[in-house]
């Protein structure tokens, strides 16, 4: 596949093809990431500077602190990426950066760095939707091509997306309240787990009884989701053990079973109605053990299932570079502004 992009000063056409090198920067939340990817699938360098340790004491990400940390880390990440890939800036075909959604102050750091590199080396600039990037993590080291159904589960988003082609993506279902990752973090706090609670809850759930407690599944039509009622049900369950020892592992396992079963049911509904045989898992919560297990069990029913390698599930720049290569709906205007929500 070939695409033509224009440079910023000379307006000369640049061909994006299988030999193209795209450098990307991602800074939408609390990871400062930079990567160089060849042809949308081959990662030459993938650098991620995480801020988890910094935000642990606050129990969540503090946007102002995160933005300052991005400012300190971005130049180091860029230099390390060039070093790991053994590539010079002049060899880069195009520079890509996350435009949104995300934390505005954080996004501005990465996007301005990307624009500066494109301007300095007179290369095309490509702005990327963060959610499309998560889907694109599945293109890395695979031969995946549309059409397929994508289940995107992250801290801020839960969506079912009909990826009809590289130019046509349709959100056919999404959460009407809490996202999956948000529900995990809130429930983790309810039972006293430290930030980031989602992975810790997942670990405890693996040794608990998933059928110890019957938790309610929201009755939401179509492909949409709701998890706020489930969160409230867990709160009431925890309070019912007042003065008694809380079976934490069983609570975690029961919560995780309810969430994962709901996601699976909606995905199967979409696959059957849309007539697709490929399903893709994407987003930070794609690393969750039970959600991953249930979606991959669809292989037993004849579906082709894809999920990113663990290092590409959470925020990273390789997925941004891949999205810049594959998806047609990008932001090529150097004056594009960041946005916080879709």
Protein backbone atom coordinates (compact mmCIF):
# COMPACT_ATOMS: atom_id res chain seq x y z
CA UNK A 1 0.00 0.00 0.00
CA UNK A 2 1.30 3.42 -0.97
CA UNK A 3 0.21 6.83 0.30
CA UNK A 4 1.36 10.30 -0.67
CA UNK A 5 2.07 12.85 2.04
CA UNK A 6 3.34 16.42 1.63
CA UNK A 7 6.29 17.97 3.45
CA UNK A 8 5.79 21.16 5.39
CA UNK A 9 8.10 23.63 3.64
CA UNK A 10 8.78 22.49 0.09
CA UNK A 11 5.38 20.73 -0.35
CA UNK A 12 7.19 17.97 -2.22
CA UNK A 13 5.34 14.64 -2.32
CA UNK A 14 6.62 11.86 -0.07
CA UNK A 15 5.58 8.26 -0.65
CA UNK A 16 4.64 6.20 2.40
CA UNK A 17 5.26 2.53 1.56
CA UNK A 18 6.45 -0.74 3.09
CA UNK A 19 10.01 0.59 3.41
CA UNK A 20 9.00 3.82 5.12
CA UNK A 21 10.29 4.68 8.58
CA UNK A 22 7.80 6.51 10.79
CA UNK A 23 8.88 8.00 14.10
CA UNK A 24 6.05 8.56 16.56
CA UNK A 25 5.66 10.23 19.95
CA UNK A 26 2.91 9.36 22.47
CA UNK A 27 2.22 11.39 25.63
CA UNK A 28 -1.54 11.27 26.17
CA UNK A 29 -1.38 10.29 29.86
CA UNK A 30 1.50 9.10 32.05
CA UNK A 31 3.89 7.40 29.61
CA UNK A 32 6.38 9.34 27.52
CA UNK A 33 6.91 7.08 24.53
CA UNK A 34 8.81 7.25 21.27
CA UNK A 35 9.24 4.63 18.56
CA UNK A 36 10.39 4.03 15.01
CA UNK A 37 8.41 1.52 12.94
CA UNK A 38 9.14 0.27 9.42
CA UNK A 39 6.24 -0.38 7.09
CA UNK A 40 3.70 -0.18 9.89
CA UNK A 41 4.58 -3.63 11.27
CA UNK A 42 8.30 -3.89 12.09
CA UNK A 43 9.38 -2.10 15.28
CA UNK A 44 12.97 -0.86 15.13
CA UNK A 45 12.87 0.92 18.48
CA UNK A 46 10.24 1.24 21.23
CA UNK A 47 11.06 3.49 24.19
CA UNK A 48 8.63 4.04 27.09
CA UNK A 49 9.28 6.16 30.17
CA UNK A 50 6.56 5.34 32.71
CA UNK A 51 5.42 7.66 35.51
CA UNK A 52 3.60 5.03 37.59
CA UNK A 53 5.98 5.33 40.54
CA UNK A 54 5.51 9.11 40.61
CA UNK A 55 1.71 8.97 40.69
CA UNK A 56 1.39 6.02 43.11
CA UNK A 57 1.47 8.23 46.19
CA UNK A 58 -1.49 10.25 44.88
CA UNK A 59 -3.62 7.23 43.99
CA UNK A 60 -3.97 8.34 40.37
CA UNK A 61 -2.51 10.51 37.63
CA UNK A 62 -2.09 14.20 38.46
CA UNK A 63 -2.26 15.98 35.06
CA UNK A 64 0.02 18.90 35.95
CA UNK A 65 2.73 16.61 37.33
CA UNK A 66 2.40 14.29 34.34
CA UNK A 67 2.87 17.17 31.88
CA UNK A 68 6.03 18.35 33.67
CA UNK A 69 7.43 14.82 33.62
CA UNK A 70 6.76 14.61 29.87
CA UNK A 71 8.71 17.83 29.35
CA UNK A 72 11.71 16.36 31.13
CA UNK A 73 11.56 12.99 29.39
CA UNK A 74 10.59 13.67 25.78
CA UNK A 75 13.98 14.76 24.42
CA UNK A 76 15.71 11.86 26.15
CA UNK A 77 13.17 9.41 24.73
CA UNK A 78 13.64 10.77 21.19
CA UNK A 79 17.44 10.54 21.41
CA UNK A 80 17.28 7.00 22.82
CA UNK A 81 14.91 5.92 20.05
CA UNK A 82 17.26 7.11 17.31
CA UNK A 83 20.11 5.33 19.09
CA UNK A 84 18.28 2.01 19.48
CA UNK A 85 17.08 1.99 15.87
CA UNK A 86 20.47 3.12 14.56
CA UNK A 87 18.62 5.63 12.38
CA UNK A 88 19.35 9.29 11.62
CA UNK A 89 16.61 11.94 11.63
CA UNK A 90 17.15 12.48 7.92
CA UNK A 91 16.23 8.83 7.29
CA UNK A 92 12.75 9.22 8.78
CA UNK A 93 9.94 9.29 6.19
CA UNK A 94 7.35 11.01 8.41
CA UNK A 95 6.80 12.03 12.03
CA UNK A 96 3.57 11.08 13.85
CA UNK A 97 2.13 12.25 17.15
CA UNK A 98 -0.96 11.60 19.27
CA UNK A 99 -3.53 14.40 18.95
CA UNK A 100 -6.11 13.01 21.36
CA UNK A 101 -8.04 11.96 23.31
CA UNK A 102 -6.04 12.39 26.49
CA UNK A 103 -4.86 14.90 29.06
CA UNK A 104 -4.47 18.22 27.24
CA UNK A 105 -1.27 19.36 28.96
CA UNK A 106 0.35 15.98 28.37
CA UNK A 107 -0.74 15.77 24.74
CA UNK A 108 0.69 19.23 24.02
CA UNK A 109 4.18 18.14 25.03
CA UNK A 110 4.35 15.18 22.67
CA UNK A 111 2.50 16.81 19.80
CA UNK A 112 4.66 19.95 19.86
CA UNK A 113 7.78 17.78 19.93
CA UNK A 114 6.49 15.85 16.90
CA UNK A 115 5.64 19.03 15.00
CA UNK A 116 9.08 20.47 15.79
CA UNK A 117 10.82 17.40 14.37
CA UNK A 118 8.69 17.51 11.22
CA UNK A 119 9.47 21.19 10.75
CA UNK A 120 13.18 20.83 11.50
CA UNK A 121 13.71 18.01 8.99
CA UNK A 122 11.04 19.08 6.46
CA UNK A 123 9.15 15.80 6.71
CA UNK A 124 5.41 15.07 6.67
CA UNK A 125 3.55 15.47 9.96
CA UNK A 126 0.80 12.94 10.80
CA UNK A 127 -1.54 13.44 13.76
CA UNK A 128 -3.11 10.30 15.24
CA UNK A 129 -6.25 9.47 17.21
CA UNK A 130 -5.10 7.59 20.33
CA UNK A 131 -7.92 5.03 20.05
CA UNK A 132 -7.04 4.18 16.45
CA UNK A 133 -3.48 3.71 17.65
CA UNK A 134 -4.55 1.09 20.19
CA UNK A 135 -6.27 -0.87 17.43
CA UNK A 136 -3.14 -0.55 15.28
CA UNK A 137 -1.03 -2.30 17.93
CA UNK A 138 -2.49 -5.46 16.41
CA UNK A 139 -0.81 -4.77 13.05
CA UNK A 140 2.64 -5.04 14.64
CA UNK A 141 4.36 -8.33 13.76
CA UNK A 142 1.16 -9.72 12.18
CA UNK A 143 -0.53 -9.85 8.78
CA UNK A 144 -3.87 -8.57 10.11
CA UNK A 145 -6.03 -6.67 7.61
CA UNK A 146 -9.59 -5.31 7.80
CA UNK A 147 -12.43 -6.04 8.02
CA UNK A 148 -12.72 -7.04 11.68
CA UNK A 149 -14.52 -6.28 14.93
CA UNK A 150 -12.35 -4.53 17.51
CA UNK A 151 -13.01 -4.56 21.26
CA UNK A 152 -11.23 -1.55 22.74
CA UNK A 153 -10.93 -1.65 26.53
CA UNK A 154 -8.89 0.97 28.36
CA UNK A 155 -8.93 3.22 31.40
CA UNK A 156 -11.14 5.79 29.70
CA UNK A 157 -12.87 3.92 26.88
CA UNK A 158 -14.84 0.76 26.24
CA UNK A 159 -15.94 0.45 22.62
CA UNK A 160 -16.86 -2.09 19.98
CA UNK A 161 -15.63 -0.84 16.61
CA UNK A 162 -16.48 -2.12 13.16
CA UNK A 163 -13.20 -1.70 11.25
CA UNK A 164 -14.52 -2.02 7.71
CA UNK A 165 -11.33 -0.79 6.04
CA UNK A 166 -8.31 1.40 6.71
CA UNK A 167 -10.49 4.42 5.88
CA UNK A 168 -13.80 3.44 7.51
CA UNK A 169 -14.13 2.77 11.24
CA UNK A 170 -17.53 2.83 12.94
CA UNK A 171 -18.09 2.81 16.70
CA UNK A 172 -21.12 0.53 17.04
CA UNK A 173 -21.14 0.19 20.82
CA UNK A 174 -19.62 1.90 23.86
CA UNK A 175 -20.00 2.36 27.58
CA UNK A 176 -22.74 4.72 28.71
CA UNK A 177 -20.95 5.40 32.01
CA UNK A 178 -17.75 3.88 33.43
CA UNK A 179 -15.15 2.39 31.12
CA UNK A 180 -13.82 -1.06 32.01
CA UNK A 181 -10.47 0.26 33.22
CA UNK A 182 -12.21 2.94 35.28
CA UNK A 183 -14.48 0.34 36.90
CA UNK A 184 -11.46 -1.83 37.73
CA UNK A 185 -9.64 1.06 39.39
CA UNK A 186 -12.69 2.12 41.41
CA UNK A 187 -13.41 -1.40 42.63
CA UNK A 188 -9.72 -1.83 43.49
CA UNK A 189 -9.93 1.26 45.70
CA UNK A 190 -13.08 -0.07 47.36
CA UNK A 191 -11.22 -3.16 48.56
CA UNK A 192 -8.08 -1.25 49.51
CA UNK A 193 -5.73 -2.03 46.63
CA UNK A 194 -3.09 0.60 45.81
CA UNK A 195 -2.78 2.42 42.47
CA UNK A 196 -2.70 1.19 39.76
CA UNK A 197 -5.44 -1.10 40.99
CA UNK A 198 -6.51 -2.87 37.79
CA UNK A 199 -3.50 -5.17 37.37
CA UNK A 200 -3.46 -5.94 41.11
CA UNK A 201 -7.16 -6.86 41.06
CA UNK A 202 -6.54 -9.12 38.07
CA UNK A 203 -3.77 -10.93 39.93
CA UNK A 204 -5.93 -11.57 43.00
CA UNK A 205 -8.85 -12.69 40.82
CA UNK A 206 -6.75 -15.47 39.36
CA UNK A 207 -6.69 -17.25 42.74
CA UNK A 208 -10.29 -16.51 43.70
CA UNK A 209 -13.62 -18.20 42.97
CA UNK A 210 -15.28 -16.39 40.03
CA UNK A 211 -18.69 -17.78 41.01
CA UNK A 212 -18.52 -17.01 44.72
CA UNK A 213 -20.85 -14.01 44.34
CA UNK A 214 -23.52 -13.38 41.73
CA UNK A 215 -23.07 -9.81 40.53
CA UNK A 216 -25.56 -8.05 38.23
CA UNK A 217 -25.04 -7.49 34.53
CA UNK A 218 -26.56 -4.25 33.26
CA UNK A 219 -29.39 -4.68 30.78
CA UNK A 220 -28.21 -2.36 28.03
CA UNK A 221 -29.43 -2.82 24.49
CA UNK A 222 -27.42 -3.29 21.33
CA UNK A 223 -23.66 -3.33 21.66
CA UNK A 224 -23.48 -0.74 24.48
CA UNK A 225 -22.14 -1.32 28.00
CA UNK A 226 -22.78 -0.07 31.53
CA UNK A 227 -20.54 -0.82 34.51
CA UNK A 228 -21.58 1.78 37.10
CA UNK A 229 -24.26 -0.54 38.55
CA UNK A 230 -21.75 -3.35 38.87
CA UNK A 231 -19.42 -1.04 40.75
CA UNK A 232 -22.26 -0.12 43.14
CA UNK A 233 -23.08 -3.80 43.63
CA UNK A 234 -19.49 -4.49 44.66
CA UNK A 235 -19.64 -1.57 47.10
CA UNK A 236 -22.74 -3.05 48.74
CA UNK A 237 -21.11 -6.48 48.84
CA UNK A 238 -18.03 -5.08 50.57
CA UNK A 239 -20.17 -3.20 53.11
CA UNK A 240 -22.10 -6.40 53.87
CA UNK A 241 -18.91 -7.84 55.38
CA UNK A 242 -18.67 -5.04 57.93
CA UNK A 243 -16.79 -6.42 60.92
CA UNK A 244 -15.97 -9.66 59.12
CA UNK A 245 -13.01 -10.68 57.02
CA UNK A 246 -13.58 -9.77 53.38
CA UNK A 247 -12.85 -12.63 50.94
CA UNK A 248 -10.90 -10.29 48.69
CA UNK A 249 -9.81 -12.89 46.15
CA UNK A 250 -13.37 -14.11 45.62
CA UNK A 251 -14.72 -10.56 45.30
CA UNK A 252 -12.08 -9.76 42.68
CA UNK A 253 -12.73 -12.99 40.79
CA UNK A 254 -16.53 -12.51 40.82
CA UNK A 255 -16.20 -8.92 39.59
CA UNK A 256 -13.77 -9.94 36.86
CA UNK A 257 -16.03 -12.81 35.74
CA UNK A 258 -18.98 -10.45 35.37
CA UNK A 259 -17.01 -7.89 33.37
CA UNK A 260 -15.32 -10.39 31.06
CA UNK A 261 -18.54 -12.35 30.42
CA UNK A 262 -20.35 -9.13 29.50
CA UNK A 263 -17.62 -8.11 27.08
CA UNK A 264 -17.58 -11.54 25.47
CA UNK A 265 -21.35 -11.59 24.98
CA UNK A 266 -21.38 -8.20 23.26
CA UNK A 267 -18.44 -9.08 21.02
CA UNK A 268 -20.05 -12.36 19.93
CA UNK A 269 -23.25 -10.49 19.18
CA UNK A 270 -21.33 -8.07 16.93
CA UNK A 271 -19.42 -10.86 15.16
CA UNK A 272 -22.56 -12.83 14.44
CA UNK A 273 -24.64 -9.88 13.24
CA UNK A 274 -21.86 -8.34 11.15
CA UNK A 275 -20.73 -11.67 9.71
CA UNK A 276 -17.02 -11.20 10.50
CA UNK A 277 -14.57 -13.97 11.35
CA UNK A 278 -11.81 -11.73 12.76
CA UNK A 279 -11.88 -10.13 16.20
CA UNK A 280 -9.26 -7.82 17.66
CA UNK A 281 -8.62 -6.93 21.31
CA UNK A 282 -7.05 -3.53 22.00
CA UNK A 283 -6.27 -1.06 24.79
CA UNK A 284 -4.50 -1.20 28.12
CA UNK A 285 -7.06 -3.60 29.62
CA UNK A 286 -6.31 -6.01 26.75
CA UNK A 287 -3.56 -7.24 29.08
CA UNK A 288 -6.16 -8.49 31.58
CA UNK A 289 -5.85 -12.25 31.97
CA UNK A 290 -9.54 -13.23 32.03
CA UNK A 291 -10.69 -10.84 29.30
CA UNK A 292 -7.84 -12.03 27.11
CA UNK A 293 -8.67 -15.68 27.86
CA UNK A 294 -12.36 -15.34 27.04
CA UNK A 295 -11.75 -13.51 23.77
CA UNK A 296 -9.08 -16.01 22.69
CA UNK A 297 -11.48 -18.86 23.45
CA UNK A 298 -13.41 -17.64 20.40
CA UNK A 299 -10.77 -19.48 18.38
CA UNK A 300 -12.53 -22.69 19.42
CA UNK A 301 -15.61 -21.40 17.59
CA UNK A 302 -13.70 -20.76 14.35
CA UNK A 303 -12.82 -17.08 14.76
CA UNK A 304 -9.41 -15.56 14.10
CA UNK A 305 -8.40 -13.68 17.24
CA UNK A 306 -5.73 -11.00 17.59
CA UNK A 307 -4.38 -9.15 20.61
CA UNK A 308 -1.22 -7.05 20.95
CA UNK A 309 1.89 -8.31 22.66
CA UNK A 310 1.77 -7.23 26.31
CA UNK A 311 4.29 -4.42 25.76
CA UNK A 312 2.04 -2.91 23.09
CA UNK A 313 -1.21 -3.09 25.12
CA UNK A 314 -0.51 -0.09 27.32
CA UNK A 315 0.32 3.33 25.88
CA UNK A 316 3.31 3.24 23.54
CA UNK A 317 4.47 5.00 20.39
CA UNK A 318 4.86 1.93 18.16
CA UNK A 319 1.09 1.72 17.87
CA UNK A 320 0.97 5.42 16.94
CA UNK A 321 3.49 4.89 14.15
CA UNK A 322 1.54 1.88 12.91
CA UNK A 323 -1.69 3.91 12.85
CA UNK A 324 0.08 6.62 10.86
CA UNK A 325 1.02 4.02 8.27
CA UNK A 326 -2.28 2.16 7.96
CA UNK A 327 -5.22 4.41 8.75
CA UNK A 328 -6.29 7.03 6.21
CA UNK A 329 -8.18 9.27 8.64
CA UNK A 330 -5.28 11.18 10.17
CA UNK A 331 -4.58 14.86 10.90
CA UNK A 332 -2.03 16.17 8.40
CA UNK A 333 -2.44 19.89 9.19
CA UNK A 334 0.52 21.18 11.21
CA UNK A 335 -1.91 23.56 12.97
CA UNK A 336 -4.08 20.74 14.36
CA UNK A 337 -4.89 21.15 18.06
CA UNK A 338 -5.10 18.50 20.77
CA UNK A 339 -8.44 17.29 22.07
CA UNK A 340 -9.33 15.67 25.40
CA UNK A 341 -12.42 13.65 24.43
CA UNK A 342 -13.83 11.92 21.34
